[in-house]
C-alpha atoms as a PDB file:
ATOM      1  CA  MET A   1    -123.883 -74.836 -76.043  1.00  0.00           C
ATOM      2  CA  SER A   2    -122.126 -77.325 -73.754  1.00  0.00           C
ATOM      3  CA  LYS A   3    -123.292 -77.954 -70.207  1.00  0.00           C
ATOM      4  CA  LYS A   4    -121.453 -76.555 -67.245  1.00  0.00           C
ATOM      5  CA  ALA A   5    -119.236 -79.109 -65.543  1.00  0.00           C
ATOM      6  CA  THR A   6    -121.346 -78.907 -62.381  1.00  0.00           C
ATOM      7  CA  ALA A   7    -124.686 -79.341 -64.128  1.00  0.00           C
ATOM      8  CA  ALA A   8    -125.919 -82.875 -64.740  1.00  0.00           C
ATOM      9  CA  ILE A   9    -127.535 -83.631 -68.092  1.00  0.00           C
ATOM     10  CA  LYS A  10    -131.236 -84.245 -67.522  1.00  0.00           C
ATOM     11  CA  VAL A  11    -132.551 -87.123 -69.635  1.00  0.00           C
ATOM     12  CA  LEU A  12    -136.181 -87.872 -70.498  1.00  0.00           C
ATOM     13  CA  ILE A  13    -137.029 -91.469 -71.446  1.00  0.00           C
ATOM     14  CA  ALA A  14    -139.999 -92.425 -73.658  1.00  0.00           C
ATOM     15  CA  ASP A  15    -140.411 -96.183 -74.143  1.00  0.00           C
ATOM     16  CA  ASP A  16    -143.449 -98.429 -73.682  1.00  0.00           C
ATOM     17  CA  HIS A  17    -141.472-101.255 -72.058  1.00  0.00           C
ATOM     18  CA  ALA A  18    -140.914-100.811 -68.324  1.00  0.00           C
ATOM     19  CA  ILE A  19    -137.873-103.102 -68.408  1.00  0.00           C
ATOM     20  CA  VAL A  20    -136.247-100.986 -71.116  1.00  0.00           C
ATOM     21  CA  ARG A  21    -136.973 -97.768 -69.217  1.00  0.00           C
ATOM     22  CA  GLU A  22    -135.424 -99.244 -66.082  1.00  0.00           C
ATOM     23  CA  GLY A  23    -132.397-100.469 -68.004  1.00  0.00           C
ATOM     24  CA  LEU A  24    -131.838 -97.029 -69.505  1.00  0.00           C
ATOM     25  CA  ARG A  25    -132.282 -95.439 -66.088  1.00  0.00           C
ATOM     26  CA  GLN A  26    -129.649 -97.729 -64.571  1.00  0.00           C
ATOM     27  CA  ILE A  27    -127.174 -96.969 -67.356  1.00  0.00           C
ATOM     28  CA  CYS A  28    -127.665 -93.245 -66.781  1.00  0.00           C
ATOM     29  CA  ALA A  29    -127.373 -93.726 -63.022  1.00  0.00           C
ATOM     30  CA  GLY A  30    -123.882 -95.098 -63.549  1.00  0.00           C
ATOM     31  CA  ALA A  31    -122.735 -91.750 -64.952  1.00  0.00           C
ATOM     32  CA  LYS A  32    -121.987 -88.877 -62.580  1.00  0.00           C
ATOM     33  CA  ASP A  33    -122.960 -86.233 -65.129  1.00  0.00           C
ATOM     34  CA  ILE A  34    -126.328 -87.691 -66.240  1.00  0.00           C
ATOM     35  CA  VAL A  35    -129.646 -88.024 -64.400  1.00  0.00           C
ATOM     36  CA  VAL A  36    -133.085 -89.240 -65.502  1.00  0.00           C
ATOM     37  CA  ALA A  37    -135.613 -86.425 -65.057  1.00  0.00           C
ATOM     38  CA  GLY A  38    -138.769 -88.140 -66.346  1.00  0.00           C
ATOM     39  CA  ASN A  39    -140.327 -91.171 -68.001  1.00  0.00           C
ATOM     40  CA  ALA A  40    -143.120 -91.733 -70.531  1.00  0.00           C
ATOM     41  CA  ALA A  41    -144.767 -94.985 -71.657  1.00  0.00           C
ATOM     42  CA  ASN A  42    -146.473 -93.770 -74.859  1.00  0.00           C
ATOM     43  CA  GLY A  43    -146.563 -90.977 -77.403  1.00  0.00           C
ATOM     44  CA  VAL A  44    -149.033 -88.759 -75.580  1.00  0.00           C
ATOM     45  CA  GLU A  45    -146.967 -88.936 -72.399  1.00  0.00           C
ATOM     46  CA  ALA A  46    -143.776 -88.272 -74.377  1.00  0.00           C
ATOM     47  CA  VAL A  47    -145.173 -85.026 -75.798  1.00  0.00           C
ATOM     48  CA  LYS A  48    -146.371 -83.948 -72.322  1.00  0.00           C
ATOM     49  CA  LEU A  49    -142.969 -84.815 -70.867  1.00  0.00           C
ATOM     50  CA  ALA A  50    -141.211 -82.656 -73.451  1.00  0.00           C
ATOM     51  CA  ARG A  51    -143.543 -79.777 -72.616  1.00  0.00           C
ATOM     52  CA  THR A  52    -142.422 -79.745 -68.978  1.00  0.00           C
ATOM     53  CA  GLY A  53    -139.086 -78.287 -70.070  1.00  0.00           C
ATOM     54  CA  ASN A  54    -137.311 -80.472 -67.505  1.00  0.00           C
ATOM     55  CA  GLY A  55    -135.021 -82.267 -69.922  1.00  0.00           C
ATOM     56  CA  ASP A  56    -131.804 -81.593 -71.794  1.00  0.00           C
ATOM     57  CA  VAL A  57    -132.050 -84.722 -73.986  1.00  0.00           C
ATOM     58  CA  MET A  58    -134.899 -87.137 -74.769  1.00  0.00           C
ATOM     59  CA  LEU A  59    -134.509 -90.838 -75.558  1.00  0.00           C
ATOM     60  CA  LEU A  60    -137.467 -91.758 -77.775  1.00  0.00           C
ATOM     61  CA  ASP A  61    -138.484 -95.249 -78.870  1.00  0.00           C
ATOM     62  CA  ILE A  62    -139.425 -95.253 -82.546  1.00  0.00           C
ATOM     63  CA  VAL A  63    -142.317 -97.688 -81.958  1.00  0.00           C
ATOM     64  CA  LEU A  64    -144.856 -96.662 -79.319  1.00  0.00           C
ATOM     65  CA  PRO A  65    -148.331 -98.145 -78.806  1.00  0.00           C
ATOM     66  CA  ASP A  66    -150.413 -95.071 -79.568  1.00  0.00           C
ATOM     67  CA  ARG A  67    -148.424 -93.138 -82.204  1.00  0.00           C
ATOM     68  CA  ASN A  68    -145.555 -93.579 -84.622  1.00  0.00           C
ATOM     69  CA  GLY A  69    -142.278 -92.451 -83.105  1.00  0.00           C
ATOM     70  CA  ILE A  70    -141.343 -90.394 -86.161  1.00  0.00           C
ATOM     71  CA  ASP A  71    -144.625 -88.472 -85.876  1.00  0.00           C
ATOM     72  CA  ILE A  72    -143.930 -87.828 -82.188  1.00  0.00           C
ATOM     73  CA  LEU A  73    -140.395 -86.737 -83.014  1.00  0.00           C
ATOM     74  CA  LYS A  74    -141.666 -84.226 -85.567  1.00  0.00           C
ATOM     75  CA  GLN A  75    -144.166 -82.771 -83.077  1.00  0.00           C
ATOM     76  CA  ILE A  76    -141.596 -82.462 -80.302  1.00  0.00           C
ATOM     77  CA  ARG A  77    -139.062 -80.863 -82.646  1.00  0.00           C
ATOM     78  CA  LYS A  78    -141.720 -78.397 -83.805  1.00  0.00           C
ATOM     79  CA  GLU A  79    -142.795 -77.456 -80.273  1.00  0.00           C
ATOM     80  CA  HIS A  80    -139.360 -77.680 -78.638  1.00  0.00           C
ATOM     81  CA  PRO A  81    -136.621 -77.256 -81.259  1.00  0.00           C
ATOM     82  CA  GLN A  82    -134.083 -76.761 -78.486  1.00  0.00           C
ATOM     83  CA  LEU A  83    -134.631 -80.293 -77.097  1.00  0.00           C
ATOM     84  CA  PRO A  84    -132.327 -82.879 -78.739  1.00  0.00           C
ATOM     85  CA  VAL A  85    -134.067 -86.213 -79.329  1.00  0.00           C
ATOM     86  CA  LEU A  86    -132.143 -89.467 -79.670  1.00  0.00           C
ATOM     87  CA  VAL A  87    -134.256 -92.142 -81.347  1.00  0.00           C
ATOM     88  CA  LEU A  88    -134.016 -95.714 -80.063  1.00  0.00           C
ATOM     89  CA  SER A  89    -135.009 -98.803 -82.036  1.00  0.00           C
ATOM     90  CA  ILE A  90    -134.616-102.570 -82.172  1.00  0.00           C
ATOM     91  CA  HIS A  91    -134.389-102.211 -85.962  1.00  0.00           C
ATOM     92  CA  ARG A  92    -131.166-101.883 -87.935  1.00  0.00           C
ATOM     93  CA  GLU A  93    -129.945 -98.377 -88.658  1.00  0.00           C
ATOM     94  CA  ASP A  94    -130.473 -98.686 -92.399  1.00  0.00           C
ATOM     95  CA  GLN A  95    -134.206 -99.222 -91.871  1.00  0.00           C
ATOM     96  CA  TYR A  96    -135.145 -96.076 -89.945  1.00  0.00           C
ATOM     97  CA  ALA A  97    -132.065 -94.000 -89.110  1.00  0.00           C
ATOM     98  CA  ILE A  98    -132.072 -91.725 -92.150  1.00  0.00           C
ATOM     99  CA  ARG A  99    -135.818 -91.095 -91.790  1.00  0.00           C
ATOM    100  CA  ALA A 100    -135.296 -90.207 -88.134  1.00  0.00           C
ATOM    101  CA  LEU A 101    -132.441 -87.820 -88.921  1.00  0.00           C
ATOM    102  CA  ARG A 102    -134.485 -86.150 -91.648  1.00  0.00           C
ATOM    103  CA  ALA A 103    -137.265 -85.656 -89.102  1.00  0.00           C
ATOM    104  CA  GLY A 104    -134.868 -83.838 -86.772  1.00  0.00           C
ATOM    105  CA  ALA A 105    -133.412 -86.535 -84.535  1.00  0.00           C
ATOM    106  CA  ALA A 106    -130.098 -85.792 -82.852  1.00  0.00           C
ATOM    107  CA  GLY A 107    -129.090 -89.395 -83.455  1.00  0.00           C
ATOM    108  CA  PHE A 108    -130.335 -92.939 -83.977  1.00  0.00           C
ATOM    109  CA  LEU A 109    -129.369 -95.733 -81.586  1.00  0.00           C
ATOM    110  CA  ASN A 110    -129.981 -99.466 -81.782  1.00  0.00           C
ATOM    111  CA  LYS A 111    -131.147-100.852 -78.425  1.00  0.00           C
ATOM    112  CA  GLN A 112    -128.379-103.448 -78.550  1.00  0.00           C
ATOM    113  CA  LEU A 113    -125.708-100.760 -78.305  1.00  0.00           C
ATOM    114  CA  ALA A 114    -123.141-100.750 -75.522  1.00  0.00           C
ATOM    115  CA  PRO A 115    -123.932 -98.593 -72.448  1.00  0.00           C
ATOM    116  CA  SER A 116    -120.815 -96.510 -73.105  1.00  0.00           C
ATOM    117  CA  GLU A 117    -122.111 -95.668 -76.583  1.00  0.00           C
ATOM    118  CA  LEU A 118    -125.463 -94.558 -75.171  1.00  0.00           C
ATOM    119  CA  LEU A 119    -123.777 -92.270 -72.649  1.00  0.00           C
ATOM    120  CA  ALA A 120    -121.519 -90.848 -75.354  1.00  0.00           C
ATOM    121  CA  ALA A 121    -124.558 -90.144 -77.546  1.00  0.00           C
ATOM    122  CA  ILE A 122    -126.377 -88.393 -74.685  1.00  0.00           C
ATOM    123  CA  ARG A 123    -123.376 -86.164 -73.949  1.00  0.00           C
ATOM    124  CA  GLN A 124    -122.926 -85.336 -77.620  1.00  0.00           C
ATOM    125  CA  ALA A 125    -126.607 -84.485 -78.097  1.00  0.00           C
ATOM    126  CA  ALA A 126    -126.591 -82.326 -74.955  1.00  0.00           C
ATOM    127  CA  ALA A 127    -123.625 -80.428 -76.393  1.00  0.00           C
ATOM    128  CA  GLY A 128    -125.685 -79.608 -79.477  1.00  0.00           C
ATOM    129  CA  ARG A 129    -124.060 -82.086 -81.843  1.00  0.00           C
ATOM    130  CA  LYS A 130    -125.499 -84.968 -83.866  1.00  0.00           C
ATOM    131  CA  TYR A 131    -124.560 -88.496 -82.864  1.00  0.00           C
ATOM    132  CA  ILE A 132    -123.730 -90.669 -85.873  1.00  0.00           C
ATOM    133  CA  SER A 133    -122.438 -94.205 -85.343  1.00  0.00           C
ATOM    134  CA  PRO A 134    -119.634 -95.456 -87.615  1.00  0.00           C
ATOM    135  CA  SER A 135    -122.006 -97.832 -89.438  1.00  0.00           C
ATOM    136  CA  LEU A 136    -124.546 -95.075 -90.058  1.00  0.00           C
ATOM    137  CA  ALA A 137    -121.808 -92.702 -91.191  1.00  0.00           C
ATOM    138  CA  GLN A 138    -120.825 -95.286 -93.794  1.00  0.00           C
ATOM    139  CA  GLU A 139    -124.441 -95.637 -94.930  1.00  0.00           C
ATOM    140  CA  LEU A 140    -124.746 -91.864 -95.333  1.00  0.00           C
ATOM    141  CA  ALA A 141    -121.439 -91.704 -97.182  1.00  0.00           C
ATOM    142  CA  ASN A 142    -122.633 -94.379 -99.587  1.00  0.00           C
ATOM    143  CA  GLN A 143    -125.619 -92.223-100.509  1.00  0.00           C
ATOM    144  CA  ILE A 144    -123.692 -89.014-101.157  1.00  0.00           C
ATOM    145  CA  GLY A 145    -123.051 -88.408-104.805  1.00  0.00           C
ATOM    146  CA  PHE A 146    -124.573 -91.714-105.842  1.00  0.00           C
ATOM    147  CA  ASP A 147    -126.562 -90.935-108.979  1.00  0.00           C
ATOM    148  CA  HIS A 148    -129.652 -93.109-108.939  1.00  0.00           C
ATOM    149  CA  GLU A 149    -133.377 -92.835-109.043  1.00  0.00           C
ATOM    150  CA  THR A 150    -135.117 -92.592-105.695  1.00  0.00           C
ATOM    151  CA  PRO A 151    -135.866 -96.136-104.474  1.00  0.00           C
ATOM    152  CA  LEU A 152    -139.579 -96.849-104.379  1.00  0.00           C
ATOM    153  CA  HIS A 153    -139.621 -97.395-100.611  1.00  0.00           C
ATOM    154  CA  GLU A 154    -138.251 -93.876-100.049  1.00  0.00           C
ATOM    155  CA  THR A 155    -141.424 -92.456-101.606  1.00  0.00           C
ATOM    156  CA  LEU A 156    -143.489 -93.906 -98.762  1.00  0.00           C
ATOM    157  CA  SER A 157    -144.619 -91.878 -95.768  1.00  0.00           C
ATOM    158  CA  ASP A 158    -143.182 -92.915 -92.393  1.00  0.00           C
ATOM    159  CA  ARG A 159    -146.356 -94.810 -91.461  1.00  0.00           C
ATOM    160  CA  GLU A 160    -146.552 -96.475 -94.876  1.00  0.00           C
ATOM    161  CA  TYR A 161    -142.916 -97.530 -94.609  1.00  0.00           C
ATOM    162  CA  GLN A 162    -143.502 -98.952 -91.144  1.00  0.00           C
ATOM    163  CA  THR A 163    -146.518-100.887 -92.447  1.00  0.00           C
ATOM    164  CA  MET A 164    -144.492-102.294 -95.342  1.00  0.00           C
ATOM    165  CA  ILE A 165    -141.680-103.437 -93.039  1.00  0.00           C
ATOM    166  CA  MET A 166    -144.138-105.169 -90.701  1.00  0.00           C
ATOM    167  CA  ILE A 167    -145.893-106.887 -93.604  1.00  0.00           C
ATOM    168  CA  ALA A 168    -142.540-108.017 -94.986  1.00  0.00           C
ATOM    169  CA  SER A 169    -141.687-109.358 -91.525  1.00  0.00           C
ATOM    170  CA  GLY A 170    -144.670-111.700 -91.737  1.00  0.00           C
ATOM    171  CA  LYS A 171    -147.283-109.779 -89.776  1.00  0.00           C
ATOM    172  CA  THR A 172    -150.905-109.737 -90.888  1.00  0.00           C
ATOM    173  CA  VAL A 173    -153.018-106.602 -91.145  1.00  0.00           C
ATOM    174  CA  GLY A 174    -154.665-107.619 -87.875  1.00  0.00           C
ATOM    175  CA  ASP A 175    -151.307-108.092 -86.161  1.00  0.00           C
ATOM    176  CA  ILE A 176    -150.115-104.672 -87.304  1.00  0.00           C
ATOM    177  CA  ALA A 177    -153.352-103.009 -86.198  1.00  0.00           C
ATOM    178  CA  ALA A 178    -152.954-104.527 -82.731  1.00  0.00           C
ATOM    179  CA  ASP A 179    -149.259-103.605 -82.455  1.00  0.00           C
ATOM    180  CA  LEU A 180    -149.871 -99.978 -83.472  1.00  0.00           C
ATOM    181  CA  SER A 181    -153.209 -99.562 -81.662  1.00  0.00           C
ATOM    182  CA  LEU A 182    -154.939 -98.670 -84.933  1.00  0.00           C
ATOM    183  CA  SER A 183    -157.990-100.122 -86.661  1.00  0.00           C
ATOM    184  CA  VAL A 184    -157.732-102.900 -89.220  1.00  0.00           C
ATOM    185  CA  LYS A 185    -159.416-100.523 -91.670  1.00  0.00           C
ATOM    186  CA  THR A 186    -156.672 -97.933 -91.189  1.00  0.00           C
ATOM    187  CA  ILE A 187    -153.876-100.463 -91.668  1.00  0.00           C
ATOM    188  CA  SER A 188    -155.625-101.840 -94.749  1.00  0.00           C
ATOM    189  CA  MET A 189    -155.665 -98.299 -96.132  1.00  0.00           C
ATOM    190  CA  TYR A 190    -151.918 -97.943 -95.521  1.00  0.00           C
ATOM    191  CA  ARG A 191    -151.334-101.323 -97.173  1.00  0.00           C
ATOM    192  CA  SER A 192    -153.290-100.241-100.242  1.00  0.00           C
ATOM    193  CA  ARG A 193    -151.259 -97.025-100.472  1.00  0.00           C
ATOM    194  CA  VAL A 194    -148.010 -98.954-100.153  1.00  0.00           C
ATOM    195  CA  LEU A 195    -148.971-101.386-102.911  1.00  0.00           C
ATOM    196  CA  ALA A 196    -150.012 -98.513-105.180  1.00  0.00           C
ATOM    197  CA  LYS A 197    -146.824 -96.490-104.611  1.00  0.00           C
ATOM    198  CA  MET A 198    -144.621 -99.544-104.914  1.00  0.00           C
ATOM    199  CA  LYS A 199    -146.472-100.622-108.076  1.00  0.00           C
ATOM    200  CA  MET A 200    -147.110-104.058-106.607  1.00  0.00           C
ATOM    201  CA  ARG A 201    -150.117-106.329-106.338  1.00  0.00           C
ATOM    202  CA  HIS A 202    -149.764-108.344-103.138  1.00  0.00           C
ATOM    203  CA  ASN A 203    -147.788-108.912 -99.934  1.00  0.00           C
ATOM    204  CA  ALA A 204    -145.468-111.483-101.481  1.00  0.00           C
ATOM    205  CA  GLU A 205    -144.070-108.863-103.844  1.00  0.00           C
ATOM    206  CA  LEU A 206    -143.557-106.443-100.946  1.00  0.00           C
ATOM    207  CA  THR A 207    -141.745-109.117 -98.974  1.00  0.00           C
ATOM    208  CA  HIS A 208    -139.534-110.007-101.931  1.00  0.00           C
ATOM    209  CA  TYR A 209    -138.664-106.332-102.457  1.00  0.00           C
ATOM    210  CA  ALA A 210    -137.872-105.797 -98.761  1.00  0.00           C
ATOM    211  CA  LEU A 211    -135.622-108.848 -98.645  1.00  0.00           C
ATOM    212  CA  LYS A 212    -133.881-107.948-101.910  1.00  0.00           C
ATOM    213  CA  ASN A 213    -133.145-104.435-100.608  1.00  0.00           C
ATOM    214  CA  ASP A 214    -132.075-105.652 -97.146  1.00  0.00           C
ATOM    215  CA  LEU A 215    -134.924-103.797 -95.420  1.00  0.00           C
ATOM    216  CA  VAL A 216    -135.759-106.833 -93.286  1.00  0.00           C
ATOM    217  CA  GLU A 217    -133.710-109.741 -92.042  1.00  0.00           C
END
């Protein structure tokens, strides 16, 4: 259902970087029909913010310090199915966008997008429609009707996939544990699962696979 012309779209922002939150707030402030109604700096705060019922659209960073953004998205969509969530990421669309959409996101936006595109996505999500960028639309079109076996990386859970991408980007188990606020033991467990599912023996093979399939730059 579209918003009344006199009612501003209330946006909730969940991102762990204060500079990013402020930048998003300023972009929204430049639109007469959009206002920022709340901010969150981590996953726990994001879930609490959604529970207030004060927002029409949430902007959710896919990487937060305490929980995986996809996990948070799934929880928010389960508790508040009426709240559209636009996922933000520094990663390319082909890395996480389809996973986010499958988890219930109203759209996937790269943080390098133009302010006008962000505002358009917010308005579209508030109107109850999905926001799909032209590049993502092409990626989805390429997958429709393409008869092939499921790629190995698509068999991974969201956390396992995230771990694989970070390993392929050159991060150590310790680095990943610190970035995700998890124990080294937990990350090592995810790494072992990834290697087993991918039928690989070590990080070099994971990195080669990720580069070959354009999962990392």
